[in-house]
């Protein structure tokens, strides 16, 4: 077969001519306020045929979710700016700008901004799906900070159903400085101590 006939064959092969890429330009994607953080879904289970979910997050000082476990999903973090304290089982460590963290499914974890400046990160779920919980967040209001959620906010029927369907378990940390309400934070991913 000549080179010319090979090139002709390549253009007839649908793998070479079918467009299937997912492109989400900067500043686009569904954005919600969730537990005081700002999350923009860049890729979802629906847009990637289940392969992954990718979220761009802005985490203010003190922000980050309550400790939780994804029983069916792995999660990875890439810190774009700032620093975040990562809970990994029972240990904690600091992840800073440029650091990558992989959390295998079944591992209790959370991230928390312990600095004085906001942090930005990308996080990814494989397979995709768990990012869907952020759709139950609040609509952003330009010029205003995200509201802090109380424990009751995580007990909405939608979030309870979502966590059960996707195998997300809430396992808060015990903090001797907290009052007795720590065990009553309820299901859902949210900022600790709220």
Protein backbone atom coordinates (compact mmCIF):
# COMPACT_ATOMS: atom_id res chain seq x y z
CA UNK A 1 0.00 0.00 0.00
CA UNK A 2 1.42 3.38 -0.96
CA UNK A 3 1.71 6.35 1.38
CA UNK A 4 -0.93 8.19 -0.68
CA UNK A 5 -3.45 5.37 -0.30
CA UNK A 6 -2.74 5.14 3.44
CA UNK A 7 -3.54 8.85 3.85
CA UNK A 8 -6.76 8.41 1.90
CA UNK A 9 -7.72 5.52 4.17
CA UNK A 10 -6.97 7.58 7.32
CA UNK A 11 -9.43 10.31 6.31
CA UNK A 12 -12.18 7.73 5.86
CA UNK A 13 -11.63 6.23 9.32
CA UNK A 14 -14.11 7.88 11.69
CA UNK A 15 -11.49 7.91 14.45
CA UNK A 16 -9.66 10.55 12.43
CA UNK A 17 -12.65 12.71 11.55
CA UNK A 18 -15.16 12.50 14.42
CA UNK A 19 -14.99 15.32 16.98
CA UNK A 20 -15.59 14.08 20.54
CA UNK A 21 -13.49 16.36 22.73
CA UNK A 22 -15.05 18.13 25.69
CA UNK A 23 -13.98 21.79 25.72
CA UNK A 24 -15.05 24.09 28.57
CA UNK A 25 -13.57 27.57 28.11
CA UNK A 26 -12.15 29.54 31.04
CA UNK A 27 -14.88 31.06 33.16
CA UNK A 28 -17.51 28.58 32.00
CA UNK A 29 -19.17 25.57 33.61
CA UNK A 30 -21.92 25.33 36.22
CA UNK A 31 -20.83 27.27 39.31
CA UNK A 32 -22.32 26.96 42.79
CA UNK A 33 -21.57 27.98 46.31
CA UNK A 34 -21.31 24.86 48.41
CA UNK A 35 -20.51 24.96 52.12
CA UNK A 36 -18.91 28.39 51.82
CA UNK A 37 -16.62 27.40 48.92
CA UNK A 38 -17.07 28.15 45.20
CA UNK A 39 -17.11 25.16 42.86
CA UNK A 40 -17.22 25.21 39.05
CA UNK A 41 -17.84 21.86 37.38
CA UNK A 42 -15.58 21.67 34.33
CA UNK A 43 -16.30 18.03 33.45
CA UNK A 44 -19.06 15.76 34.69
CA UNK A 45 -20.13 12.15 34.51
CA UNK A 46 -22.57 13.22 31.80
CA UNK A 47 -20.04 15.12 29.67
CA UNK A 48 -17.33 12.43 29.89
CA UNK A 49 -19.49 9.34 29.47
CA UNK A 50 -18.85 8.47 33.12
CA UNK A 51 -15.05 8.64 32.94
CA UNK A 52 -14.42 11.48 35.40
CA UNK A 53 -15.62 14.64 37.10
CA UNK A 54 -13.36 17.70 37.30
CA UNK A 55 -14.05 20.68 39.56
CA UNK A 56 -12.30 24.05 39.84
CA UNK A 57 -12.55 25.15 43.49
CA UNK A 58 -11.92 28.40 45.34
CA UNK A 59 -11.56 27.71 49.05
CA UNK A 60 -11.54 30.71 51.44
CA UNK A 61 -9.59 30.71 54.73
CA UNK A 62 -11.22 28.17 57.03
CA UNK A 63 -13.03 26.57 54.07
CA UNK A 64 -13.19 23.00 52.94
CA UNK A 65 -15.51 20.01 53.39
CA UNK A 66 -16.27 17.96 56.46
CA UNK A 67 -14.38 14.66 56.61
CA UNK A 68 -15.98 12.06 54.37
CA UNK A 69 -15.42 8.83 52.46
CA UNK A 70 -16.17 8.11 48.81
CA UNK A 71 -16.90 4.38 48.80
CA UNK A 72 -17.05 4.02 45.00
CA UNK A 73 -14.85 6.84 43.71
CA UNK A 74 -11.19 7.85 43.81
CA UNK A 75 -10.42 11.56 44.24
CA UNK A 76 -7.37 13.60 43.31
CA UNK A 77 -6.40 17.18 44.19
CA UNK A 78 -4.03 19.56 42.41
CA UNK A 79 -3.35 22.80 44.30
CA UNK A 80 -3.19 25.78 41.92
CA UNK A 81 -2.49 28.41 44.61
CA UNK A 82 -2.40 28.68 48.37
CA UNK A 83 -2.17 25.81 50.76
CA UNK A 84 -4.57 23.25 52.11
CA UNK A 85 -4.39 20.93 55.08
CA UNK A 86 -5.26 17.41 53.93
CA UNK A 87 -6.73 14.80 56.25
CA UNK A 88 -5.70 11.30 55.13
CA UNK A 89 -7.22 8.70 57.45
CA UNK A 90 -5.93 9.88 60.84
CA UNK A 91 -2.92 11.93 59.64
CA UNK A 92 -2.80 15.46 58.28
CA UNK A 93 -0.29 17.19 56.01
CA UNK A 94 -0.04 20.44 54.07
CA UNK A 95 -0.36 20.51 50.28
CA UNK A 96 0.84 23.73 48.65
CA UNK A 97 0.92 25.29 45.21
CA UNK A 98 1.84 22.69 42.58
CA UNK A 99 1.26 19.70 44.89
CA UNK A 100 -0.78 16.68 43.78
CA UNK A 101 -2.69 14.41 46.18
CA UNK A 102 -4.45 11.13 45.32
CA UNK A 103 -7.12 9.77 47.70
CA UNK A 104 -8.12 6.14 46.99
CA UNK A 105 -11.78 5.23 47.46
CA UNK A 106 -12.62 4.10 50.97
CA UNK A 107 -10.25 6.62 52.62
CA UNK A 108 -11.52 9.19 55.12
CA UNK A 109 -10.34 12.59 53.96
CA UNK A 110 -10.99 16.30 53.70
CA UNK A 111 -9.15 19.46 52.74
CA UNK A 112 -9.15 22.66 54.75
CA UNK A 113 -7.68 26.06 54.03
CA UNK A 114 -5.65 26.79 57.16
CA UNK A 115 -3.98 29.87 55.63
CA UNK A 116 -4.97 33.53 55.59
CA UNK A 117 -5.46 33.76 51.81
CA UNK A 118 -7.90 31.95 49.55
CA UNK A 119 -6.71 28.75 47.86
CA UNK A 120 -7.54 27.41 44.40
CA UNK A 121 -7.47 23.80 43.41
CA UNK A 122 -8.67 21.33 40.86
CA UNK A 123 -10.15 18.10 42.07
CA UNK A 124 -11.12 15.08 40.07
CA UNK A 125 -13.38 12.11 40.73
CA UNK A 126 -12.87 8.80 38.90
CA UNK A 127 -15.25 7.53 37.82
CA UNK A 128 -17.33 10.68 37.48
CA UNK A 129 -20.55 11.32 39.34
CA UNK A 130 -19.76 12.55 42.83
CA UNK A 131 -19.34 16.10 41.49
CA UNK A 132 -23.10 16.12 40.99
CA UNK A 133 -23.69 16.92 44.67
CA UNK A 134 -22.47 20.47 44.04
CA UNK A 135 -25.55 21.10 41.93
CA UNK A 136 -27.45 21.28 45.23
CA UNK A 137 -25.42 24.31 46.28
CA UNK A 138 -26.49 27.94 46.29
CA UNK A 139 -26.60 30.23 43.26
CA UNK A 140 -23.56 32.58 43.33
CA UNK A 141 -24.27 36.29 43.83
CA UNK A 142 -21.53 38.48 42.32
CA UNK A 143 -20.03 40.93 44.80
CA UNK A 144 -20.97 38.79 47.82
CA UNK A 145 -19.11 36.04 49.68
CA UNK A 146 -20.49 32.51 49.70
CA UNK A 147 -22.72 31.88 52.73
CA UNK A 148 -21.56 29.63 55.51
CA UNK A 149 -23.76 26.55 55.76
CA UNK A 150 -25.14 25.26 59.04
CA UNK A 151 -25.43 21.55 59.79
CA UNK A 152 -29.08 21.66 58.78
CA UNK A 153 -28.17 22.66 55.21
CA UNK A 154 -26.55 19.25 54.68
CA UNK A 155 -29.74 17.44 55.67
CA UNK A 156 -31.79 18.47 52.66
CA UNK A 157 -33.62 15.55 51.06
CA UNK A 158 -31.66 16.08 47.81
CA UNK A 159 -28.24 15.85 49.48
CA UNK A 160 -29.26 12.89 51.67
CA UNK A 161 -30.54 11.01 48.59
CA UNK A 162 -27.44 11.90 46.55
CA UNK A 163 -25.02 10.70 49.24
CA UNK A 164 -26.89 7.42 49.60
CA UNK A 165 -27.05 6.85 45.83
CA UNK A 166 -23.36 7.60 45.25
CA UNK A 167 -21.92 5.96 48.37
CA UNK A 168 -20.66 9.06 50.17
CA UNK A 169 -20.30 8.66 53.92
CA UNK A 170 -19.82 11.55 56.34
CA UNK A 171 -17.30 10.75 59.09
CA UNK A 172 -16.57 13.96 61.00
CA UNK A 173 -13.45 14.37 63.04
CA UNK A 174 -13.76 14.43 66.79
CA UNK A 175 -12.63 17.80 68.12
CA UNK A 176 -12.56 18.09 71.90
CA UNK A 177 -12.99 21.86 71.54
CA UNK A 178 -16.34 21.44 69.78
CA UNK A 179 -19.60 21.18 71.65
CA UNK A 180 -21.83 18.11 71.60
CA UNK A 181 -23.35 19.06 68.24
CA UNK A 182 -20.35 17.60 66.36
CA UNK A 183 -22.13 14.29 65.97
CA UNK A 184 -25.18 16.05 64.55
CA UNK A 185 -23.63 17.55 61.43
CA UNK A 186 -25.65 15.33 59.19
CA UNK A 187 -24.92 13.84 55.80
CA UNK A 188 -23.47 15.88 52.99
CA UNK A 189 -20.13 17.36 52.19
CA UNK A 190 -19.59 20.68 53.89
CA UNK A 191 -17.33 22.95 55.79
CA UNK A 192 -16.29 21.46 59.11
CA UNK A 193 -17.58 23.06 62.27
CA UNK A 194 -20.55 24.69 60.62
